[in-house]
N, C-alpha and C. Protein backbone atom coordinates (compact mmCIF):
# COMPACT_ATOMS: atom_id res chain seq x y z
N UNK A 1 -7.11 21.31 4.99
CA UNK A 1 -7.05 20.32 3.99
C UNK A 1 -6.24 20.70 2.88
N UNK A 2 -5.29 19.80 2.40
CA UNK A 2 -4.50 20.00 1.34
C UNK A 2 -5.13 19.98 -0.02
N UNK A 3 -4.95 20.87 -0.87
CA UNK A 3 -5.56 20.82 -2.18
C UNK A 3 -4.61 20.22 -3.19
N UNK A 4 -5.06 19.10 -3.80
CA UNK A 4 -4.26 18.38 -4.70
C UNK A 4 -4.46 18.92 -6.16
N UNK A 5 -3.55 19.13 -6.85
CA UNK A 5 -3.48 19.59 -8.24
C UNK A 5 -3.05 18.56 -9.15
N UNK A 6 -3.84 17.91 -9.84
CA UNK A 6 -3.39 16.72 -10.75
C UNK A 6 -3.23 17.37 -12.13
N UNK A 7 -2.29 16.95 -12.83
CA UNK A 7 -2.04 17.39 -14.34
C UNK A 7 -3.18 16.86 -15.16
N UNK A 8 -3.51 17.41 -16.35
CA UNK A 8 -4.52 16.96 -17.08
C UNK A 8 -4.22 15.60 -17.73
N UNK A 9 -2.97 15.35 -18.08
CA UNK A 9 -2.55 14.07 -18.71
C UNK A 9 -1.30 13.54 -17.94
N UNK A 10 -0.92 12.42 -18.23
CA UNK A 10 0.29 11.83 -17.71
C UNK A 10 0.08 10.71 -16.95
N UNK A 11 1.07 10.44 -16.08
CA UNK A 11 1.15 9.21 -15.22
C UNK A 11 1.50 9.64 -13.85
N UNK A 12 0.92 8.92 -12.83
CA UNK A 12 1.28 9.21 -11.39
C UNK A 12 1.93 7.73 -10.89
N UNK A 13 3.02 7.86 -10.09
CA UNK A 13 3.74 6.72 -9.47
C UNK A 13 2.94 6.50 -8.18
N UNK A 14 3.19 5.34 -7.67
CA UNK A 14 2.50 4.82 -6.48
C UNK A 14 2.68 5.84 -5.25
N UNK A 15 3.95 6.29 -5.19
CA UNK A 15 4.17 7.30 -4.14
C UNK A 15 3.30 8.51 -4.08
N UNK A 16 2.91 8.98 -5.36
CA UNK A 16 2.10 10.12 -5.57
C UNK A 16 0.67 9.76 -5.23
N UNK A 17 0.28 8.58 -5.47
CA UNK A 17 -1.10 8.27 -5.18
C UNK A 17 -1.36 7.95 -3.76
N UNK A 18 -0.48 7.14 -3.12
CA UNK A 18 -0.62 6.84 -1.78
C UNK A 18 0.09 7.77 -0.68
N UNK A 19 0.93 8.64 -1.18
CA UNK A 19 1.60 9.65 -0.41
C UNK A 19 2.98 8.97 0.07
N UNK A 20 3.83 9.92 0.60
CA UNK A 20 5.13 9.60 1.17
C UNK A 20 5.51 10.51 2.16
N UNK A 21 5.24 10.19 3.44
CA UNK A 21 5.42 11.09 4.51
C UNK A 21 6.93 11.38 4.83
N UNK A 22 7.76 10.48 4.28
CA UNK A 22 9.37 10.59 4.56
C UNK A 22 9.95 11.42 3.39
N UNK A 23 9.26 11.76 2.26
CA UNK A 23 9.84 12.51 1.22
C UNK A 23 10.01 14.01 1.73
N UNK A 24 10.91 14.66 1.05
CA UNK A 24 11.24 16.02 1.34
C UNK A 24 11.01 16.90 0.17
N UNK A 25 9.85 17.65 0.24
CA UNK A 25 8.85 17.69 1.15
C UNK A 25 7.91 16.48 1.09
N UNK A 26 7.19 16.27 2.25
CA UNK A 26 6.23 15.09 2.30
C UNK A 26 5.09 15.17 1.19
N UNK A 27 4.79 14.05 0.69
CA UNK A 27 3.78 13.96 -0.37
C UNK A 27 2.44 13.49 0.29
N UNK A 28 1.47 14.31 0.11
CA UNK A 28 0.15 13.82 0.80
C UNK A 28 -0.49 12.88 -0.13
N UNK A 29 -1.15 12.08 0.63
CA UNK A 29 -1.87 10.96 -0.19
C UNK A 29 -3.18 11.37 -0.89
N UNK A 30 -3.29 10.86 -2.11
CA UNK A 30 -4.62 11.19 -2.91
C UNK A 30 -5.52 10.17 -2.36
N UNK A 31 -5.15 8.88 -2.27
CA UNK A 31 -5.95 7.74 -1.85
C UNK A 31 -5.28 7.22 -0.59
N UNK A 32 -5.77 7.41 0.51
CA UNK A 32 -5.15 7.12 1.90
C UNK A 32 -5.41 5.62 2.13
N UNK A 33 -4.65 4.63 1.54
CA UNK A 33 -4.70 3.24 1.81
C UNK A 33 -3.36 2.82 1.82
N UNK A 34 -3.16 1.58 2.38
CA UNK A 34 -1.80 0.86 2.45
C UNK A 34 -1.41 0.42 1.03
N UNK A 35 -0.11 0.09 0.85
CA UNK A 35 0.45 -0.48 -0.35
C UNK A 35 -0.35 -1.84 -0.69
N UNK A 36 -0.48 -2.64 0.29
CA UNK A 36 -1.04 -4.07 0.25
C UNK A 36 -2.53 -3.86 -0.21
N UNK A 37 -3.27 -2.85 0.37
CA UNK A 37 -4.72 -2.72 0.07
C UNK A 37 -4.73 -2.17 -1.29
N UNK A 38 -3.83 -1.26 -1.73
CA UNK A 38 -3.89 -0.79 -3.16
C UNK A 38 -3.70 -1.84 -4.17
N UNK A 39 -2.73 -2.68 -3.91
CA UNK A 39 -2.35 -3.86 -4.88
C UNK A 39 -3.49 -4.84 -4.82
N UNK A 40 -4.05 -5.15 -3.78
CA UNK A 40 -5.22 -6.03 -3.60
C UNK A 40 -6.30 -5.38 -4.54
N UNK A 41 -6.48 -4.11 -4.40
CA UNK A 41 -7.69 -3.51 -5.11
C UNK A 41 -7.32 -3.44 -6.55
N UNK A 42 -6.10 -3.23 -6.95
CA UNK A 42 -5.88 -3.38 -8.38
C UNK A 42 -5.96 -4.85 -8.95
N UNK A 43 -5.58 -5.84 -8.22
CA UNK A 43 -5.88 -7.21 -8.63
C UNK A 43 -7.39 -7.62 -8.67
N UNK A 44 -8.16 -7.08 -7.75
CA UNK A 44 -9.64 -7.31 -7.81
C UNK A 44 -10.59 -6.31 -8.77
N UNK A 45 -9.76 -5.28 -9.19
CA UNK A 45 -10.52 -4.42 -10.05
C UNK A 45 -11.15 -3.27 -9.46
N UNK A 46 -10.96 -3.11 -8.09
CA UNK A 46 -11.54 -2.08 -7.33
C UNK A 46 -10.74 -0.71 -7.66
N UNK A 47 -9.30 -0.81 -7.88
CA UNK A 47 -8.58 0.23 -8.41
C UNK A 47 -8.09 0.06 -9.81
N UNK A 48 -7.72 1.10 -10.56
CA UNK A 48 -7.32 0.94 -11.98
C UNK A 48 -6.00 0.17 -12.13
N UNK A 49 -6.04 -0.32 -13.23
CA UNK A 49 -4.82 -1.28 -13.53
C UNK A 49 -3.70 -0.32 -13.93
N UNK A 50 -2.43 -0.84 -13.57
CA UNK A 50 -1.27 -0.09 -13.76
C UNK A 50 -0.70 -0.27 -15.16
N UNK A 51 0.26 0.57 -15.53
CA UNK A 51 0.91 0.59 -16.80
C UNK A 51 2.35 0.50 -16.64
N UNK A 52 3.17 -0.21 -17.28
CA UNK A 52 4.60 -0.33 -17.16
C UNK A 52 5.09 0.64 -18.19
N UNK A 53 5.85 1.62 -17.57
CA UNK A 53 6.41 2.66 -18.42
C UNK A 53 7.95 2.53 -18.55
N UNK A 54 8.54 1.45 -18.02
CA UNK A 54 9.91 1.05 -18.03
C UNK A 54 10.18 -0.24 -17.40
N UNK A 55 11.33 -0.82 -17.35
CA UNK A 55 11.48 -2.16 -16.86
C UNK A 55 11.26 -2.34 -15.32
N UNK A 56 11.53 -1.19 -14.63
CA UNK A 56 11.21 -1.20 -13.10
C UNK A 56 10.38 -0.03 -12.76
N UNK A 57 9.48 0.37 -13.70
CA UNK A 57 8.68 1.57 -13.33
C UNK A 57 7.36 1.29 -13.73
N UNK A 58 6.31 1.35 -12.69
CA UNK A 58 5.01 1.23 -12.76
C UNK A 58 4.24 2.50 -12.48
N UNK A 59 3.17 2.84 -13.32
CA UNK A 59 2.59 4.12 -13.02
C UNK A 59 1.11 3.81 -13.34
N UNK A 60 0.17 4.93 -13.17
CA UNK A 60 -1.16 4.99 -13.35
C UNK A 60 -1.62 6.19 -14.30
N UNK A 61 -2.35 6.04 -15.19
CA UNK A 61 -2.82 7.27 -16.07
C UNK A 61 -3.52 8.33 -15.04
N UNK A 62 -3.23 9.46 -15.09
CA UNK A 62 -3.83 10.54 -14.37
C UNK A 62 -5.39 10.56 -14.50
N UNK A 63 -5.85 10.27 -15.70
CA UNK A 63 -7.20 10.11 -15.97
C UNK A 63 -8.03 9.03 -15.17
N UNK A 64 -7.22 8.02 -14.97
CA UNK A 64 -7.87 6.73 -14.18
C UNK A 64 -8.00 7.19 -12.75
N UNK A 65 -6.98 7.84 -12.22
CA UNK A 65 -6.98 8.16 -10.83
C UNK A 65 -7.89 9.30 -10.67
N UNK A 66 -8.21 10.26 -11.43
CA UNK A 66 -9.02 11.22 -11.32
C UNK A 66 -10.40 10.63 -11.30
N UNK A 67 -10.59 9.73 -12.07
CA UNK A 67 -12.00 9.06 -12.15
C UNK A 67 -12.22 8.28 -10.98
N UNK A 68 -11.25 7.58 -10.32
CA UNK A 68 -11.30 6.84 -9.11
C UNK A 68 -11.70 7.77 -8.06
N UNK A 69 -11.03 8.95 -7.88
CA UNK A 69 -11.19 9.92 -6.90
C UNK A 69 -12.71 10.37 -6.98
N UNK A 70 -13.21 10.61 -8.14
CA UNK A 70 -14.50 11.21 -8.46
C UNK A 70 -15.56 10.13 -8.03
N UNK A 71 -15.33 8.87 -8.29
CA UNK A 71 -16.27 7.77 -7.93
C UNK A 71 -16.27 7.59 -6.36
N UNK A 72 -15.07 7.82 -5.64
CA UNK A 72 -15.04 7.64 -4.28
C UNK A 72 -15.58 8.67 -3.55
N UNK A 73 -15.60 9.75 -4.14
CA UNK A 73 -16.16 11.06 -3.32
C UNK A 73 -17.75 11.07 -3.49
N UNK A 74 -18.31 10.31 -4.36
CA UNK A 74 -19.76 10.28 -4.42
C UNK A 74 -20.48 9.24 -3.71
């Protein structure tokens, strides 16, 4: 099992959360769901809201993703 090391603060892009097997090296998923499931969960409140950090850049605070992982593992 791959150990994920998240920074204490900052932002994560969607590919860092859902993984990207085509990247070099491949990025393992923190939350193993599809993009459509992720965006549906954001819309319904199951997953954290995104933050626009640029005109074409969406990200999520690391703290929110860490809290989500903690809540899903209990």
